[in-house]
C-alpha atoms as a PDB file:
ATOM      1  CA  MET A   1     104.650 -25.860  19.015  1.00  0.00           C
ATOM      2  CA  ASP A   2     101.561 -28.024  18.763  1.00  0.00           C
ATOM      3  CA  ALA A   3     101.051 -29.998  21.985  1.00  0.00           C
ATOM      4  CA  SER A   4      99.206 -32.630  19.945  1.00  0.00           C
ATOM      5  CA  ALA A   5     102.570 -33.799  18.568  1.00  0.00           C
ATOM      6  CA  ARG A   6     103.631 -37.299  19.530  1.00  0.00           C
ATOM      7  CA  VAL A   7     107.027 -37.101  21.202  1.00  0.00           C
ATOM      8  CA  LEU A   8     109.866 -39.570  21.786  1.00  0.00           C
ATOM      9  CA  VAL A   9     112.437 -39.033  24.537  1.00  0.00           C
ATOM     10  CA  THR A  10     115.406 -41.385  24.298  1.00  0.00           C
ATOM     11  CA  GLY A  11     117.467 -41.802  27.437  1.00  0.00           C
ATOM     12  CA  ALA A  12     114.190 -41.391  29.337  1.00  0.00           C
ATOM     13  CA  GLY A  13     115.488 -43.540  32.188  1.00  0.00           C
ATOM     14  CA  GLY A  14     118.365 -41.149  32.796  1.00  0.00           C
ATOM     15  CA  PHE A  15     118.621 -37.995  34.867  1.00  0.00           C
ATOM     16  CA  ILE A  16     117.834 -35.327  32.271  1.00  0.00           C
ATOM     17  CA  GLY A  17     115.539 -37.586  30.253  1.00  0.00           C
ATOM     18  CA  SER A  18     113.271 -38.460  33.174  1.00  0.00           C
ATOM     19  CA  HIS A  19     112.905 -34.787  34.099  1.00  0.00           C
ATOM     20  CA  LEU A  20     112.209 -33.909  30.445  1.00  0.00           C
ATOM     21  CA  VAL A  21     109.441 -36.514  30.181  1.00  0.00           C
ATOM     22  CA  ALA A  22     107.732 -35.006  33.240  1.00  0.00           C
ATOM     23  CA  PHE A  23     108.149 -31.484  31.794  1.00  0.00           C
ATOM     24  CA  LEU A  24     106.587 -32.448  28.451  1.00  0.00           C
ATOM     25  CA  LYS A  25     103.713 -34.350  30.055  1.00  0.00           C
ATOM     26  CA  GLU A  26     102.860 -31.286  32.159  1.00  0.00           C
ATOM     27  CA  ARG A  27     102.484 -29.374  28.881  1.00  0.00           C
ATOM     28  CA  GLY A  28     100.061 -31.864  27.385  1.00  0.00           C
ATOM     29  CA  TYR A  29     102.292 -33.886  25.060  1.00  0.00           C
ATOM     30  CA  TRP A  30     101.878 -37.583  24.361  1.00  0.00           C
ATOM     31  CA  VAL A  31     105.292 -39.009  25.257  1.00  0.00           C
ATOM     32  CA  ARG A  32     107.047 -42.295  24.570  1.00  0.00           C
ATOM     33  CA  GLY A  33     110.103 -42.880  26.742  1.00  0.00           C
ATOM     34  CA  VAL A  34     112.840 -45.296  25.669  1.00  0.00           C
ATOM     35  CA  ASP A  35     115.890 -46.502  27.564  1.00  0.00           C
ATOM     36  CA  THR A  36     117.659 -49.694  28.606  1.00  0.00           C
ATOM     37  CA  LYS A  37     116.385 -49.100  32.156  1.00  0.00           C
ATOM     38  CA  PRO A  38     113.508 -47.264  33.863  1.00  0.00           C
ATOM     39  CA  PRO A  39     114.257 -44.100  35.867  1.00  0.00           C
ATOM     40  CA  GLU A  40     116.083 -44.903  39.093  1.00  0.00           C
ATOM     41  CA  PHE A  41     114.693 -42.172  41.326  1.00  0.00           C
ATOM     42  CA  MET A  42     111.289 -41.215  39.915  1.00  0.00           C
ATOM     43  CA  GLU A  43     108.283 -42.938  38.377  1.00  0.00           C
ATOM     44  CA  SER A  44     108.129 -42.247  34.650  1.00  0.00           C
ATOM     45  CA  THR A  45     105.018 -40.351  33.580  1.00  0.00           C
ATOM     46  CA  ALA A  46     105.471 -41.311  29.910  1.00  0.00           C
ATOM     47  CA  ASP A  47     102.412 -42.619  28.102  1.00  0.00           C
ATOM     48  CA  GLU A  48     104.568 -45.517  26.905  1.00  0.00           C
ATOM     49  CA  PHE A  49     107.938 -46.624  28.252  1.00  0.00           C
ATOM     50  CA  GLU A  50     109.880 -49.179  26.220  1.00  0.00           C
ATOM     51  CA  LEU A  51     113.078 -50.935  27.244  1.00  0.00           C
ATOM     52  CA  LEU A  52     115.183 -50.870  24.073  1.00  0.00           C
ATOM     53  CA  ASP A  53     118.899 -50.920  23.304  1.00  0.00           C
ATOM     54  CA  LEU A  54     119.262 -48.129  20.755  1.00  0.00           C
ATOM     55  CA  ARG A  55     122.606 -49.391  19.527  1.00  0.00           C
ATOM     56  CA  ARG A  56     120.453 -51.755  17.442  1.00  0.00           C
ATOM     57  CA  TRP A  57     118.891 -50.485  14.212  1.00  0.00           C
ATOM     58  CA  ASP A  58     115.664 -52.468  14.584  1.00  0.00           C
ATOM     59  CA  ASN A  59     115.099 -51.031  18.060  1.00  0.00           C
ATOM     60  CA  CYS A  60     115.549 -47.486  16.737  1.00  0.00           C
ATOM     61  CA  LEU A  61     112.930 -48.133  14.058  1.00  0.00           C
ATOM     62  CA  GLN A  62     110.584 -49.392  16.769  1.00  0.00           C
ATOM     63  CA  ALA A  63     111.276 -46.412  19.053  1.00  0.00           C
ATOM     64  CA  THR A  64     110.601 -43.782  16.378  1.00  0.00           C
ATOM     65  CA  ARG A  65     107.440 -45.314  14.892  1.00  0.00           C
ATOM     66  CA  GLY A  66     104.510 -42.895  14.754  1.00  0.00           C
ATOM     67  CA  ILE A  67     106.568 -40.052  16.259  1.00  0.00           C
ATOM     68  CA  ASP A  68     106.561 -36.366  15.285  1.00  0.00           C
ATOM     69  CA  HIS A  69     109.386 -34.991  17.469  1.00  0.00           C
ATOM     70  CA  VAL A  70     112.438 -36.771  18.877  1.00  0.00           C
ATOM     71  CA  TYR A  71     114.437 -35.577  21.869  1.00  0.00           C
ATOM     72  CA  ALA A  72     117.591 -37.702  21.493  1.00  0.00           C
ATOM     73  CA  LEU A  73     119.219 -37.822  24.927  1.00  0.00           C
ATOM     74  CA  ALA A  74     120.332 -41.471  25.032  1.00  0.00           C
ATOM     75  CA  ALA A  75     124.062 -41.859  25.661  1.00  0.00           C
ATOM     76  CA  ASP A  76     126.636 -43.928  27.485  1.00  0.00           C
ATOM     77  CA  MET A  77     128.150 -41.292  29.750  1.00  0.00           C
ATOM     78  CA  GLY A  78     129.083 -40.239  33.266  1.00  0.00           C
ATOM     79  CA  GLY A  79     131.464 -38.037  35.210  1.00  0.00           C
ATOM     80  CA  MET A  80     135.171 -37.504  34.519  1.00  0.00           C
ATOM     81  CA  GLY A  81     136.152 -40.792  36.131  1.00  0.00           C
ATOM     82  CA  PHE A  82     134.080 -42.705  33.579  1.00  0.00           C
ATOM     83  CA  ILE A  83     134.636 -40.465  30.545  1.00  0.00           C
ATOM     84  CA  SER A  84     138.426 -40.425  30.933  1.00  0.00           C
ATOM     85  CA  SER A  85     138.820 -44.217  31.097  1.00  0.00           C
ATOM     86  CA  ASN A  86     136.273 -45.584  28.606  1.00  0.00           C
ATOM     87  CA  HIS A  87     137.038 -43.841  25.309  1.00  0.00           C
ATOM     88  CA  GLY A  88     136.499 -46.831  23.033  1.00  0.00           C
ATOM     89  CA  THR A  89     133.338 -47.997  24.789  1.00  0.00           C
ATOM     90  CA  ILE A  90     131.848 -44.505  24.687  1.00  0.00           C
ATOM     91  CA  MET A  91     132.743 -43.979  21.025  1.00  0.00           C
ATOM     92  CA  ARG A  92     131.325 -47.349  19.947  1.00  0.00           C
ATOM     93  CA  ASN A  93     128.104 -47.221  21.956  1.00  0.00           C
ATOM     94  CA  ASN A  94     127.220 -43.591  21.357  1.00  0.00           C
ATOM     95  CA  ALA A  95     128.111 -43.550  17.665  1.00  0.00           C
ATOM     96  CA  LEU A  96     125.795 -46.514  17.130  1.00  0.00           C
ATOM     97  CA  ILE A  97     123.000 -44.891  19.157  1.00  0.00           C
ATOM     98  CA  ASN A  98     123.357 -41.537  17.405  1.00  0.00           C
ATOM     99  CA  LEU A  99     123.521 -42.781  13.809  1.00  0.00           C
ATOM    100  CA  HIS A 100     120.797 -45.388  14.151  1.00  0.00           C
ATOM    101  CA  THR A 101     118.400 -43.072  15.977  1.00  0.00           C
ATOM    102  CA  ILE A 102     118.612 -40.149  13.560  1.00  0.00           C
ATOM    103  CA  ASP A 103     118.412 -42.406  10.507  1.00  0.00           C
ATOM    104  CA  ALA A 104     115.400 -44.235  11.928  1.00  0.00           C
ATOM    105  CA  ALA A 105     113.802 -40.844  12.563  1.00  0.00           C
ATOM    106  CA  ARG A 106     114.368 -40.001   8.894  1.00  0.00           C
ATOM    107  CA  VAL A 107     112.917 -43.300   7.694  1.00  0.00           C
ATOM    108  CA  ASN A 108     109.843 -42.939   9.915  1.00  0.00           C
ATOM    109  CA  GLY A 109     109.122 -39.370   8.817  1.00  0.00           C
ATOM    110  CA  VAL A 110     109.923 -37.539  12.057  1.00  0.00           C
ATOM    111  CA  ALA A 111     109.430 -33.779  11.570  1.00  0.00           C
ATOM    112  CA  ARG A 112     111.845 -32.419  14.167  1.00  0.00           C
ATOM    113  CA  TYR A 113     114.868 -33.916  15.926  1.00  0.00           C
ATOM    114  CA  LEU A 114     116.782 -32.525  18.914  1.00  0.00           C
ATOM    115  CA  TYR A 115     120.193 -33.968  19.694  1.00  0.00           C
ATOM    116  CA  ALA A 116     121.673 -33.438  23.157  1.00  0.00           C
ATOM    117  CA  SER A 117     125.298 -32.419  22.677  1.00  0.00           C
ATOM    118  CA  SER A 118     127.852 -31.323  25.253  1.00  0.00           C
ATOM    119  CA  ALA A 119     130.383 -28.632  26.097  1.00  0.00           C
ATOM    120  CA  CYS A 120     132.907 -31.487  25.866  1.00  0.00           C
ATOM    121  CA  ILE A 121     133.045 -30.799  22.110  1.00  0.00           C
ATOM    122  CA  TYR A 122     135.084 -27.626  22.652  1.00  0.00           C
ATOM    123  CA  PRO A 123     138.848 -27.677  21.935  1.00  0.00           C
ATOM    124  CA  GLU A 124     141.067 -28.590  24.839  1.00  0.00           C
ATOM    125  CA  HIS A 125     143.548 -25.779  24.083  1.00  0.00           C
ATOM    126  CA  LEU A 126     140.831 -23.181  24.832  1.00  0.00           C
ATOM    127  CA  GLN A 127     140.340 -24.649  28.305  1.00  0.00           C
ATOM    128  CA  GLU A 128     143.857 -24.906  29.720  1.00  0.00           C
ATOM    129  CA  GLN A 129     143.575 -22.143  32.368  1.00  0.00           C
ATOM    130  CA  PRO A 130     141.100 -21.778  35.260  1.00  0.00           C
ATOM    131  CA  ASP A 131     140.236 -18.165  34.374  1.00  0.00           C
ATOM    132  CA  ILE A 132     139.293 -18.901  30.792  1.00  0.00           C
ATOM    133  CA  ALA A 133     137.199 -16.929  28.292  1.00  0.00           C
ATOM    134  CA  PRO A 134     133.605 -18.192  27.961  1.00  0.00           C
ATOM    135  CA  LEU A 135     133.176 -20.607  25.068  1.00  0.00           C
ATOM    136  CA  LYS A 136     131.240 -19.382  22.038  1.00  0.00           C
ATOM    137  CA  GLU A 137     129.497 -21.794  19.685  1.00  0.00           C
ATOM    138  CA  GLU A 138     131.917 -21.030  16.839  1.00  0.00           C
ATOM    139  CA  ASP A 139     134.885 -21.973  19.070  1.00  0.00           C
ATOM    140  CA  ALA A 140     134.164 -25.640  18.323  1.00  0.00           C
ATOM    141  CA  TYR A 141     136.354 -25.443  15.202  1.00  0.00           C
ATOM    142  CA  PRO A 142     139.147 -26.207  14.429  1.00  0.00           C
ATOM    143  CA  ALA A 143     138.095 -29.317  16.317  1.00  0.00           C
ATOM    144  CA  ALA A 144     140.216 -30.691  19.168  1.00  0.00           C
ATOM    145  CA  PRO A 145     138.018 -32.152  21.948  1.00  0.00           C
ATOM    146  CA  GLN A 146     139.782 -33.712  24.924  1.00  0.00           C
ATOM    147  CA  ASP A 147     138.067 -37.109  25.056  1.00  0.00           C
ATOM    148  CA  GLY A 148     136.299 -39.704  22.915  1.00  0.00           C
ATOM    149  CA  TYR A 149     133.038 -38.461  24.415  1.00  0.00           C
ATOM    150  CA  GLY A 150     133.630 -35.010  22.930  1.00  0.00           C
ATOM    151  CA  TRP A 151     134.585 -36.387  19.534  1.00  0.00           C
ATOM    152  CA  GLU A 152     131.483 -38.540  19.182  1.00  0.00           C
ATOM    153  CA  LYS A 153     129.285 -35.629  20.272  1.00  0.00           C
ATOM    154  CA  LEU A 154     130.876 -33.396  17.642  1.00  0.00           C
ATOM    155  CA  MET A 155     130.404 -36.046  14.962  1.00  0.00           C
ATOM    156  CA  ALA A 156     126.727 -36.329  15.887  1.00  0.00           C
ATOM    157  CA  GLU A 157     126.337 -32.549  15.646  1.00  0.00           C
ATOM    158  CA  ARG A 158     127.667 -32.685  12.083  1.00  0.00           C
ATOM    159  CA  THR A 159     125.350 -35.589  11.322  1.00  0.00           C
ATOM    160  CA  CYS A 160     122.389 -33.437  12.378  1.00  0.00           C
ATOM    161  CA  GLN A 161     123.572 -30.637  10.105  1.00  0.00           C
ATOM    162  CA  TYR A 162     123.970 -32.981   7.132  1.00  0.00           C
ATOM    163  CA  PHE A 163     120.619 -34.710   7.687  1.00  0.00           C
ATOM    164  CA  GLU A 164     118.901 -31.336   7.714  1.00  0.00           C
ATOM    165  CA  GLU A 165     120.697 -30.205   4.553  1.00  0.00           C
ATOM    166  CA  GLU A 166     120.242 -33.421   2.569  1.00  0.00           C
ATOM    167  CA  PHE A 167     117.025 -34.961   3.909  1.00  0.00           C
ATOM    168  CA  GLY A 168     115.102 -31.956   5.254  1.00  0.00           C
ATOM    169  CA  LEU A 169     114.926 -33.277   8.821  1.00  0.00           C
ATOM    170  CA  ALA A 170     114.726 -30.185  11.061  1.00  0.00           C
ATOM    171  CA  THR A 171     117.422 -30.593  13.727  1.00  0.00           C
ATOM    172  CA  ARG A 172     118.179 -28.705  16.941  1.00  0.00           C
ATOM    173  CA  VAL A 173     121.353 -29.013  19.045  1.00  0.00           C
ATOM    174  CA  PRO A 174     121.766 -27.815  22.657  1.00  0.00           C
ATOM    175  CA  ARG A 175     125.284 -28.087  24.105  1.00  0.00           C
ATOM    176  CA  PHE A 176     124.891 -28.987  27.786  1.00  0.00           C
ATOM    177  CA  HIS A 177     127.226 -27.386  30.341  1.00  0.00           C
ATOM    178  CA  ASN A 178     127.397 -29.550  33.486  1.00  0.00           C
ATOM    179  CA  ILE A 179     123.765 -30.268  34.321  1.00  0.00           C
ATOM    180  CA  TYR A 180     122.980 -31.117  37.955  1.00  0.00           C
ATOM    181  CA  GLY A 181     120.041 -31.439  40.343  1.00  0.00           C
ATOM    182  CA  PRO A 182     117.921 -33.860  42.391  1.00  0.00           C
ATOM    183  CA  LYS A 183     116.925 -37.347  41.260  1.00  0.00           C
ATOM    184  CA  GLY A 184     120.192 -38.040  39.475  1.00  0.00           C
ATOM    185  CA  THR A 185     123.107 -40.437  39.925  1.00  0.00           C
ATOM    186  CA  PHE A 186     125.165 -39.515  42.984  1.00  0.00           C
ATOM    187  CA  GLU A 187     127.407 -42.557  43.453  1.00  0.00           C
ATOM    188  CA  GLY A 188     128.944 -45.486  41.589  1.00  0.00           C
ATOM    189  CA  GLY A 189     131.477 -43.697  39.380  1.00  0.00           C
ATOM    190  CA  ARG A 190     129.196 -42.041  36.814  1.00  0.00           C
ATOM    191  CA  GLU A 191     128.073 -39.106  38.945  1.00  0.00           C
ATOM    192  CA  LYS A 192     129.068 -35.524  38.123  1.00  0.00           C
ATOM    193  CA  ALA A 193     131.014 -33.223  40.443  1.00  0.00           C
ATOM    194  CA  PRO A 194     128.061 -31.485  42.180  1.00  0.00           C
ATOM    195  CA  ALA A 195     126.395 -34.798  43.067  1.00  0.00           C
ATOM    196  CA  ALA A 196     129.691 -36.356  44.179  1.00  0.00           C
ATOM    197  CA  ILE A 197     130.501 -33.419  46.427  1.00  0.00           C
ATOM    198  CA  CYS A 198     126.984 -33.363  47.878  1.00  0.00           C
ATOM    199  CA  ARG A 199     127.320 -37.074  48.689  1.00  0.00           C
ATOM    200  CA  LYS A 200     130.746 -36.671  50.267  1.00  0.00           C
ATOM    201  CA  VAL A 201     129.678 -33.711  52.411  1.00  0.00           C
ATOM    202  CA  ALA A 202     126.476 -35.492  53.491  1.00  0.00           C
ATOM    203  CA  LEU A 203     128.476 -38.511  54.629  1.00  0.00           C
ATOM    204  CA  ALA A 204     131.125 -36.434  56.425  1.00  0.00           C
ATOM    205  CA  GLY A 205     130.711 -35.233  59.975  1.00  0.00           C
ATOM    206  CA  ASP A 206     130.970 -31.583  60.951  1.00  0.00           C
ATOM    207  CA  GLY A 207     134.692 -30.814  60.916  1.00  0.00           C
ATOM    208  CA  GLY A 208     135.342 -33.746  58.585  1.00  0.00           C
ATOM    209  CA  THR A 209     137.424 -34.034  55.423  1.00  0.00           C
ATOM    210  CA  ILE A 210     136.473 -34.975  51.876  1.00  0.00           C
ATOM    211  CA  GLU A 211     138.620 -35.853  48.875  1.00  0.00           C
ATOM    212  CA  VAL A 212     138.740 -33.716  45.719  1.00  0.00           C
ATOM    213  CA  TRP A 213     140.595 -34.680  42.535  1.00  0.00           C
ATOM    214  CA  GLY A 214     143.440 -32.330  41.706  1.00  0.00           C
ATOM    215  CA  ASP A 215     144.046 -29.003  43.425  1.00  0.00           C
ATOM    216  CA  GLY A 216     140.381 -28.018  43.209  1.00  0.00           C
ATOM    217  CA  GLU A 217     141.171 -24.836  41.290  1.00  0.00           C
ATOM    218  CA  GLN A 218     139.740 -26.212  38.025  1.00  0.00           C
ATOM    219  CA  THR A 219     136.676 -24.168  37.044  1.00  0.00           C
ATOM    220  CA  ARG A 220     133.249 -24.951  35.632  1.00  0.00           C
ATOM    221  CA  SER A 221     129.802 -23.438  35.255  1.00  0.00           C
ATOM    222  CA  PHE A 222     126.878 -25.587  36.395  1.00  0.00           C
ATOM    223  CA  CYS A 223     123.294 -25.563  35.108  1.00  0.00           C
ATOM    224  CA  TYR A 224     120.330 -26.664  37.236  1.00  0.00           C
ATOM    225  CA  ILE A 225     118.046 -29.351  35.843  1.00  0.00           C
ATOM    226  CA  ASP A 226     114.898 -27.167  35.750  1.00  0.00           C
ATOM    227  CA  ASP A 227     116.722 -24.615  33.589  1.00  0.00           C
ATOM    228  CA  CYS A 228     118.061 -27.430  31.430  1.00  0.00           C
ATOM    229  CA  VAL A 229     114.681 -28.937  30.514  1.00  0.00           C
ATOM    230  CA  GLU A 230     113.197 -25.466  29.956  1.00  0.00           C
ATOM    231  CA  GLY A 231     116.102 -24.690  27.640  1.00  0.00           C
ATOM    232  CA  ILE A 232     115.756 -27.982  25.764  1.00  0.00           C
ATOM    233  CA  TYR A 233     112.088 -27.247  25.115  1.00  0.00           C
ATOM    234  CA  ARG A 234     112.757 -23.672  23.996  1.00  0.00           C
ATOM    235  CA  ILE A 235     115.519 -24.826  21.639  1.00  0.00           C
ATOM    236  CA  MET A 236     113.246 -27.468  20.121  1.00  0.00           C
ATOM    237  CA  GLN A 237     110.612 -24.790  19.479  1.00  0.00           C
ATOM    238  CA  CYS A 238     112.942 -22.172  18.002  1.00  0.00           C
ATOM    239  CA  ASP A 239     113.770 -21.646  14.324  1.00  0.00           C
ATOM    240  CA  TYR A 240     117.555 -21.782  14.780  1.00  0.00           C
ATOM    241  CA  SER A 241     119.219 -25.020  13.646  1.00  0.00           C
ATOM    242  CA  GLY A 242     122.805 -24.359  14.751  1.00  0.00           C
ATOM    243  CA  PRO A 243     124.224 -25.517  18.102  1.00  0.00           C
ATOM    244  CA  LEU A 244     123.361 -23.409  21.162  1.00  0.00           C
ATOM    245  CA  ASN A 245     125.060 -23.374  24.546  1.00  0.00           C
ATOM    246  CA  LEU A 246     122.753 -24.467  27.361  1.00  0.00           C
ATOM    247  CA  GLY A 247     124.384 -23.573  30.655  1.00  0.00           C
ATOM    248  CA  ARG A 248     125.011 -20.868  33.227  1.00  0.00           C
ATOM    249  CA  ASP A 249     127.747 -18.350  32.512  1.00  0.00           C
ATOM    250  CA  ASP A 250     129.154 -17.941  36.044  1.00  0.00           C
ATOM    251  CA  MET A 251     132.272 -19.997  36.773  1.00  0.00           C
ATOM    252  CA  VAL A 252     133.289 -21.420  40.134  1.00  0.00           C
ATOM    253  CA  THR A 253     136.242 -23.531  41.197  1.00  0.00           C
ATOM    254  CA  ILE A 254     135.639 -27.013  42.556  1.00  0.00           C
ATOM    255  CA  ASN A 255     136.954 -25.765  45.912  1.00  0.00           C
ATOM    256  CA  GLU A 256     134.281 -23.049  45.851  1.00  0.00           C
ATOM    257  CA  LEU A 257     131.696 -25.685  44.997  1.00  0.00           C
ATOM    258  CA  VAL A 258     132.697 -27.543  48.175  1.00  0.00           C
ATOM    259  CA  GLU A 259     132.348 -24.308  50.161  1.00  0.00           C
ATOM    260  CA  ILE A 260     128.820 -23.727  48.868  1.00  0.00           C
ATOM    261  CA  VAL A 261     127.706 -27.291  49.607  1.00  0.00           C
ATOM    262  CA  SER A 262     129.313 -27.170  53.062  1.00  0.00           C
ATOM    263  CA  GLY A 263     127.390 -23.968  53.754  1.00  0.00           C
ATOM    264  CA  VAL A 264     124.128 -25.601  52.672  1.00  0.00           C
ATOM    265  CA  ALA A 265     124.898 -28.550  54.951  1.00  0.00           C
ATOM    266  CA  GLY A 266     125.869 -26.288  57.857  1.00  0.00           C
ATOM    267  CA  LYS A 267     129.183 -28.129  58.233  1.00  0.00           C
ATOM    268  CA  LYS A 268     132.823 -27.142  58.450  1.00  0.00           C
ATOM    269  CA  ILE A 269     134.546 -29.308  55.824  1.00  0.00           C
ATOM    270  CA  SER A 270     138.243 -29.619  54.957  1.00  0.00           C
ATOM    271  CA  ILE A 271     139.520 -30.783  51.584  1.00  0.00           C
ATOM    272  CA  ASN A 272     142.133 -33.459  50.919  1.00  0.00           C
ATOM    273  CA  HIS A 273     143.368 -32.938  47.356  1.00  0.00           C
ATOM    274  CA  VAL A 274     144.242 -36.247  45.735  1.00  0.00           C
ATOM    275  CA  GLN A 275     145.353 -37.385  42.311  1.00  0.00           C
ATOM    276  CA  GLY A 276     142.549 -38.090  39.868  1.00  0.00           C
ATOM    277  CA  PRO A 277     141.083 -37.125  36.480  1.00  0.00           C
ATOM    278  CA  GLU A 278     140.300 -33.400  36.412  1.00  0.00           C
ATOM    279  CA  GLY A 279     139.151 -32.880  32.841  1.00  0.00           C
ATOM    280  CA  VAL A 280     139.900 -29.516  31.262  1.00  0.00           C
ATOM    281  CA  ARG A 281     141.334 -26.813  33.507  1.00  0.00           C
ATOM    282  CA  GLY A 282     138.576 -24.281  32.943  1.00  0.00           C
ATOM    283  CA  ARG A 283     135.215 -24.126  31.145  1.00  0.00           C
ATOM    284  CA  ASN A 284     132.452 -21.550  30.977  1.00  0.00           C
ATOM    285  CA  SER A 285     129.464 -20.928  28.719  1.00  0.00           C
ATOM    286  CA  ASP A 286     129.073 -17.842  26.550  1.00  0.00           C
ATOM    287  CA  ASN A 287     125.309 -17.300  26.450  1.00  0.00           C
ATOM    288  CA  SER A 288     125.258 -14.405  23.970  1.00  0.00           C
ATOM    289  CA  ARG A 289     123.762 -16.440  21.117  1.00  0.00           C
ATOM    290  CA  THR A 290     121.370 -18.291  23.414  1.00  0.00           C
ATOM    291  CA  ARG A 291     119.997 -14.967  24.673  1.00  0.00           C
ATOM    292  CA  GLU A 292     119.779 -13.628  21.124  1.00  0.00           C
ATOM    293  CA  VAL A 293     117.954 -16.662  19.701  1.00  0.00           C
ATOM    294  CA  LEU A 294     115.735 -17.608  22.646  1.00  0.00           C
ATOM    295  CA  GLY A 295     115.332 -14.328  24.540  1.00  0.00           C
ATOM    296  CA  TRP A 296     116.098 -16.462  27.583  1.00  0.00           C
ATOM    297  CA  GLU A 297     118.953 -18.049  29.512  1.00  0.00           C
ATOM    298  CA  PRO A 298     119.277 -20.261  32.626  1.00  0.00           C
ATOM    299  CA  SER A 299     118.553 -18.302  35.802  1.00  0.00           C
ATOM    300  CA  VAL A 300     118.666 -20.674  38.810  1.00  0.00           C
ATOM    301  CA  THR A 301     121.643 -19.699  40.965  1.00  0.00           C
ATOM    302  CA  LEU A 302     124.167 -22.287  42.096  1.00  0.00           C
ATOM    303  CA  GLU A 303     123.250 -21.688  45.739  1.00  0.00           C
ATOM    304  CA  VAL A 304     119.560 -22.391  45.105  1.00  0.00           C
ATOM    305  CA  GLY A 305     120.214 -25.414  42.888  1.00  0.00           C
ATOM    306  CA  LEU A 306     122.778 -26.956  45.214  1.00  0.00           C
ATOM    307  CA  THR A 307     120.436 -26.532  48.186  1.00  0.00           C
ATOM    308  CA  GLU A 308     117.787 -28.599  46.398  1.00  0.00           C
ATOM    309  CA  THR A 309     120.374 -31.137  45.243  1.00  0.00           C
ATOM    310  CA  TYR A 310     122.114 -31.536  48.596  1.00  0.00           C
ATOM    311  CA  ASN A 311     118.855 -31.901  50.535  1.00  0.00           C
ATOM    312  CA  TRP A 312     117.655 -34.617  48.156  1.00  0.00           C
ATOM    313  CA  ILE A 313     120.941 -36.576  48.231  1.00  0.00           C
ATOM    314  CA  GLU A 314     121.160 -36.288  52.031  1.00  0.00           C
ATOM    315  CA  LYS A 315     117.638 -37.681  52.287  1.00  0.00           C
ATOM    316  CA  GLN A 316     118.511 -40.622  50.018  1.00  0.00           C
ATOM    317  CA  LEU A 317     121.538 -41.494  52.123  1.00  0.00           C
ATOM    318  CA  ALA A 318     119.654 -41.103  55.420  1.00  0.00           C
ATOM    319  CA  SER A 319     116.891 -43.454  54.274  1.00  0.00           C
ATOM    320  CA  ARG A 320     119.250 -46.418  53.947  1.00  0.00           C
END
């Protein structure tokens, strides 16, 4: 893809968006970043950074002006604690962001549009056991996501399909599977499980105890941020317009996640299982189509990624 293209990254103040801006700048792109806030943990390297609320149509027109490619990552989201208790807020905010951004891209003649979807679109009944079959892209239908977050993501995927069919806007759709890594939210209620566990272990003494929601036997696969931004870029470049899983395909339980982080920290940690939102019981990515289309899949192991993540979070906490 031509590096002379002018690129917009929405959600550029967020975790994935800020890393994506840096990735694209390293490859020579002119980048405009847009968000309601600047990045919290890194200086944005975007050529322009505009503070805009993309729930508003006029702001979306402003954001997409003079742009060739849009990476649409902006969303109101967080970990299970936030997603499970803010269905209406998430549906309202994200539906407005998604519809206004893609329509503004159409009006302003954007050539290519990537929408960041999520594994949360997959039906809940396929994720009711810890040892579950990996999720294939076609498993999304018949639709039955667990939360409002999954429903609005699925609606936006269909919007991309229809805009490509009716208006000729080339669309690309990665489905993220639990992205984690340094320079992301690790406290406050919106953090994901890896960051939360890294924070808890860092704050605990050797021989200490941390809390985990549920029995800890719920399973997930986790994808490191460097693999995520590489995958986003490869999906934007490819000729395939259907959704593609973007995640690792090796599942671990949350209890095993604690074990790995404890090993990185060099601490003996016990777990106190408490009541709390667990999400689906099991989720894993089937990467068959991703490998077929891209000739690539995420490769950073959980041990390597969690080492980088834990060391960064520990440093943030120690500096206070």
